[in-house]
C-alpha atoms as a PDB file:
ATOM      1  CA  MET A   1      88.100   0.202 119.876  1.00  0.00           C
ATOM      2  CA  THR A   2      84.929   1.316 117.956  1.00  0.00           C
ATOM      3  CA  ARG A   3      81.486   0.576 119.231  1.00  0.00           C
ATOM      4  CA  GLU A   4      81.013  -1.775 116.146  1.00  0.00           C
ATOM      5  CA  ASN A   5      84.260  -3.650 117.066  1.00  0.00           C
ATOM      6  CA  MET A   6      83.202  -3.880 120.736  1.00  0.00           C
ATOM      7  CA  ARG A   7      79.726  -5.204 119.720  1.00  0.00           C
ATOM      8  CA  ALA A   8      81.417  -7.825 117.366  1.00  0.00           C
ATOM      9  CA  LEU A   9      83.763  -8.899 120.103  1.00  0.00           C
ATOM     10  CA  PHE A  10      80.911  -9.259 122.628  1.00  0.00           C
ATOM     11  CA  GLU A  11      78.746 -11.244 120.003  1.00  0.00           C
ATOM     12  CA  SER A  12      81.698 -13.597 119.561  1.00  0.00           C
ATOM     13  CA  ILE A  13      81.965 -14.001 123.393  1.00  0.00           C
ATOM     14  CA  THR A  14      78.202 -14.576 123.679  1.00  0.00           C
ATOM     15  CA  ASP A  15      78.391 -17.277 120.916  1.00  0.00           C
ATOM     16  CA  THR A  16      80.275 -19.735 123.295  1.00  0.00           C
ATOM     17  CA  GLY A  17      79.516 -22.045 126.242  1.00  0.00           C
ATOM     18  CA  PHE A  18      76.577 -21.354 128.524  1.00  0.00           C
ATOM     19  CA  THR A  19      75.528 -18.183 126.768  1.00  0.00           C
ATOM     20  CA  LYS A  20      75.427 -20.009 123.400  1.00  0.00           C
ATOM     21  CA  ALA A  21      73.562 -22.940 124.859  1.00  0.00           C
ATOM     22  CA  SER A  22      71.034 -20.528 126.313  1.00  0.00           C
ATOM     23  CA  GLY A  23      70.507 -18.879 123.046  1.00  0.00           C
ATOM     24  CA  PHE A  24      71.528 -15.377 124.158  1.00  0.00           C
ATOM     25  CA  LYS A  25      71.724 -12.716 121.435  1.00  0.00           C
ATOM     26  CA  VAL A  26      72.670  -9.103 121.360  1.00  0.00           C
ATOM     27  CA  ARG A  27      69.689  -6.872 120.675  1.00  0.00           C
ATOM     28  CA  ASP A  28      71.065  -3.512 121.363  1.00  0.00           C
ATOM     29  CA  PHE A  29      74.725  -2.410 122.286  1.00  0.00           C
ATOM     30  CA  GLU A  30      75.868   1.020 123.155  1.00  0.00           C
ATOM     31  CA  THR A  31      78.380   2.418 125.536  1.00  0.00           C
ATOM     32  CA  GLY A  32      77.023   1.815 129.117  1.00  0.00           C
ATOM     33  CA  LYS A  33      73.789   0.202 127.978  1.00  0.00           C
ATOM     34  CA  VAL A  34      73.270  -3.277 126.485  1.00  0.00           C
ATOM     35  CA  THR A  35      70.193  -5.327 125.770  1.00  0.00           C
ATOM     36  CA  LEU A  36      70.363  -9.103 125.370  1.00  0.00           C
ATOM     37  CA  GLU A  37      67.584 -11.496 124.461  1.00  0.00           C
ATOM     38  CA  THR A  38      66.842 -15.213 124.331  1.00  0.00           C
ATOM     39  CA  SER A  39      63.857 -17.244 123.116  1.00  0.00           C
ATOM     40  CA  PRO A  40      62.774 -19.570 125.797  1.00  0.00           C
ATOM     41  CA  ARG A  41      62.517 -23.302 125.030  1.00  0.00           C
ATOM     42  CA  GLU A  42      61.741 -26.429 127.017  1.00  0.00           C
ATOM     43  CA  GLU A  43      65.239 -27.191 128.047  1.00  0.00           C
ATOM     44  CA  LEU A  44      65.506 -23.782 129.747  1.00  0.00           C
ATOM     45  CA  THR A  45      62.508 -24.235 131.854  1.00  0.00           C
ATOM     46  CA  GLN A  46      61.835 -25.491 135.410  1.00  0.00           C
ATOM     47  CA  PHE A  47      59.057 -27.851 136.510  1.00  0.00           C
ATOM     48  CA  LEU A  48      56.198 -25.350 136.243  1.00  0.00           C
ATOM     49  CA  GLY A  49      57.259 -24.288 132.653  1.00  0.00           C
ATOM     50  CA  TYR A  50      58.787 -20.952 133.474  1.00  0.00           C
ATOM     51  CA  VAL A  51      62.221 -20.131 132.337  1.00  0.00           C
ATOM     52  CA  HIS A  52      64.662 -21.338 135.056  1.00  0.00           C
ATOM     53  CA  ALA A  53      65.947 -18.712 137.442  1.00  0.00           C
ATOM     54  CA  GLY A  54      69.529 -19.768 136.554  1.00  0.00           C
ATOM     55  CA  VAL A  55      68.871 -18.771 132.928  1.00  0.00           C
ATOM     56  CA  VAL A  56      67.285 -15.508 134.050  1.00  0.00           C
ATOM     57  CA  THR A  57      70.211 -14.797 136.310  1.00  0.00           C
ATOM     58  CA  GLY A  58      72.655 -15.680 133.543  1.00  0.00           C
ATOM     59  CA  LEU A  59      70.943 -13.333 131.081  1.00  0.00           C
ATOM     60  CA  ALA A  60      70.977 -10.422 133.523  1.00  0.00           C
ATOM     61  CA  ASP A  61      74.572 -11.078 134.459  1.00  0.00           C
ATOM     62  CA  HIS A  62      75.826 -11.367 130.882  1.00  0.00           C
ATOM     63  CA  ALA A  63      74.057  -8.135 129.853  1.00  0.00           C
ATOM     64  CA  ALA A  64      75.544  -6.479 132.866  1.00  0.00           C
ATOM     65  CA  GLY A  65      79.012  -7.563 131.960  1.00  0.00           C
ATOM     66  CA  ALA A  66      78.671  -6.270 128.445  1.00  0.00           C
ATOM     67  CA  ALA A  67      77.402  -2.957 129.658  1.00  0.00           C
ATOM     68  CA  TYR A  68      80.255  -2.379 131.979  1.00  0.00           C
ATOM     69  CA  ALA A  69      82.878  -3.727 129.560  1.00  0.00           C
ATOM     70  CA  SER A  70      81.598  -1.204 126.989  1.00  0.00           C
ATOM     71  CA  THR A  71      82.878   1.606 129.255  1.00  0.00           C
ATOM     72  CA  LEU A  72      86.326   0.147 129.811  1.00  0.00           C
ATOM     73  CA  PRO A  73      89.456   1.036 127.840  1.00  0.00           C
ATOM     74  CA  GLU A  74      90.745  -1.319 125.072  1.00  0.00           C
ATOM     75  CA  GLY A  75      92.325  -4.539 126.443  1.00  0.00           C
ATOM     76  CA  LYS A  76      90.041  -4.650 129.514  1.00  0.00           C
ATOM     77  CA  VAL A  77      87.193  -6.960 130.188  1.00  0.00           C
ATOM     78  CA  CYS A  78      85.301  -7.662 133.363  1.00  0.00           C
ATOM     79  CA  LEU A  79      84.324 -10.493 135.741  1.00  0.00           C
ATOM     80  CA  THR A  80      81.390 -10.537 138.127  1.00  0.00           C
ATOM     81  CA  ILE A  81      82.336 -10.180 141.787  1.00  0.00           C
ATOM     82  CA  GLU A  82      78.855  -9.941 143.283  1.00  0.00           C
ATOM     83  CA  LEU A  83      75.302 -10.264 142.024  1.00  0.00           C
ATOM     84  CA  LYS A  84      71.954  -9.691 143.818  1.00  0.00           C
ATOM     85  CA  ILE A  85      68.733 -10.475 141.926  1.00  0.00           C
ATOM     86  CA  ASN A  86      65.110 -10.012 142.862  1.00  0.00           C
ATOM     87  CA  PHE A  87      62.511 -12.087 140.968  1.00  0.00           C
ATOM     88  CA  MET A  88      59.145 -10.271 140.831  1.00  0.00           C
ATOM     89  CA  LYS A  89      57.177 -12.498 138.313  1.00  0.00           C
ATOM     90  CA  PRO A  90      57.686 -15.872 136.681  1.00  0.00           C
ATOM     91  CA  ALA A  91      59.941 -15.607 133.569  1.00  0.00           C
ATOM     92  CA  ALA A  92      57.798 -16.436 130.501  1.00  0.00           C
ATOM     93  CA  GLY A  93      57.032 -15.210 127.033  1.00  0.00           C
ATOM     94  CA  GLU A  94      58.134 -15.490 123.431  1.00  0.00           C
ATOM     95  CA  LYS A  95      61.330 -13.603 124.353  1.00  0.00           C
ATOM     96  CA  LEU A  96      63.237 -12.667 127.452  1.00  0.00           C
ATOM     97  CA  ALA A  97      65.156  -9.544 127.364  1.00  0.00           C
ATOM     98  CA  ALA A  98      67.706  -8.202 129.787  1.00  0.00           C
ATOM     99  CA  GLU A  99      68.217  -4.388 129.668  1.00  0.00           C
ATOM    100  CA  ALA A 100      71.489  -3.588 131.469  1.00  0.00           C
ATOM    101  CA  ARG A 101      72.795  -0.002 132.236  1.00  0.00           C
ATOM    102  CA  VAL A 102      75.953   1.080 134.144  1.00  0.00           C
ATOM    103  CA  ILE A 103      75.099   2.975 137.252  1.00  0.00           C
ATOM    104  CA  SER A 104      78.631   3.371 138.508  1.00  0.00           C
ATOM    105  CA  PRO A 105      81.326   3.181 135.780  1.00  0.00           C
ATOM    106  CA  GLY A 106      84.481   2.891 137.983  1.00  0.00           C
ATOM    107  CA  LYS A 107      87.901   2.273 136.477  1.00  0.00           C
ATOM    108  CA  SER A 108      88.430  -0.948 138.382  1.00  0.00           C
ATOM    109  CA  ILE A 109      85.043  -1.734 139.863  1.00  0.00           C
ATOM    110  CA  GLY A 110      81.622  -1.094 138.168  1.00  0.00           C
ATOM    111  CA  VAL A 111      77.982  -1.438 139.196  1.00  0.00           C
ATOM    112  CA  VAL A 112      75.247  -2.248 136.768  1.00  0.00           C
ATOM    113  CA  GLN A 113      71.487  -2.611 137.046  1.00  0.00           C
ATOM    114  CA  SER A 114      70.003  -5.311 134.826  1.00  0.00           C
ATOM    115  CA  ASP A 115      66.265  -5.601 134.367  1.00  0.00           C
ATOM    116  CA  VAL A 116      64.806  -8.704 132.817  1.00  0.00           C
ATOM    117  CA  TYR A 117      61.405  -8.683 130.957  1.00  0.00           C
ATOM    118  CA  GLY A 118      59.227 -11.379 129.431  1.00  0.00           C
ATOM    119  CA  GLU A 119      57.878 -10.227 126.105  1.00  0.00           C
ATOM    120  CA  THR A 120      54.951 -11.563 124.151  1.00  0.00           C
ATOM    121  CA  GLY A 121      53.095  -9.687 121.243  1.00  0.00           C
ATOM    122  CA  GLY A 122      54.295  -6.277 122.278  1.00  0.00           C
ATOM    123  CA  GLU A 123      53.454  -6.838 125.913  1.00  0.00           C
ATOM    124  CA  ARG A 124      56.356  -6.703 128.495  1.00  0.00           C
ATOM    125  CA  VAL A 125      56.273  -8.094 132.028  1.00  0.00           C
ATOM    126  CA  HIS A 126      59.100  -7.058 134.386  1.00  0.00           C
ATOM    127  CA  CYS A 127      60.349 -10.337 135.768  1.00  0.00           C
ATOM    128  CA  ALA A 128      63.553  -9.582 137.618  1.00  0.00           C
ATOM    129  CA  THR A 129      66.110  -6.930 138.641  1.00  0.00           C
ATOM    130  CA  ALA A 130      69.715  -7.510 139.332  1.00  0.00           C
ATOM    131  CA  ILE A 131      72.402  -5.333 140.733  1.00  0.00           C
ATOM    132  CA  VAL A 132      75.772  -6.610 139.511  1.00  0.00           C
ATOM    133  CA  THR A 133      79.175  -5.561 140.662  1.00  0.00           C
ATOM    134  CA  LEU A 134      82.101  -6.234 138.333  1.00  0.00           C
ATOM    135  CA  ARG A 135      85.760  -5.943 138.367  1.00  0.00           C
ATOM    136  CA  ALA A 136      87.860  -4.776 135.302  1.00  0.00           C
ATOM    137  CA  VAL A 137      90.672  -7.208 134.337  1.00  0.00           C
ATOM    138  CA  ALA A 138      93.240  -7.309 131.612  1.00  0.00           C
ATOM    139  CA  MET A 139      91.992  -9.324 128.633  1.00  0.00           C
ATOM    140  CA  SER A 140      94.394 -12.300 128.157  1.00  0.00           C
END
């Protein structure tokens, strides 16, 4: 599968369910490295007005899945089996971006680091870092 086909497949997956409702979009897509973004809005915030930790975690996780899946052979996708996230700053900004890169591209288990940034007017604030472990599975 070509990178363009993989990106198109991932964009179609992202345009469903939770990821669609959260406004996730693919910014950059290359083998082993994916960046997703979303534009925060009121329904994604918690009581202090910051983007809810669940949305931040979902963004980091989904970017990690795309990054690992991009290293797998055709017909394989992946599912998260473990996720550890550290929140360093409140998630806020005009955009949130999750930059995920594969750090261990195993054939059946992969490990990805996903960093989330709040972006406003060219300024970036590192909000969170997730380490995500994923299992390759057959696409059905």
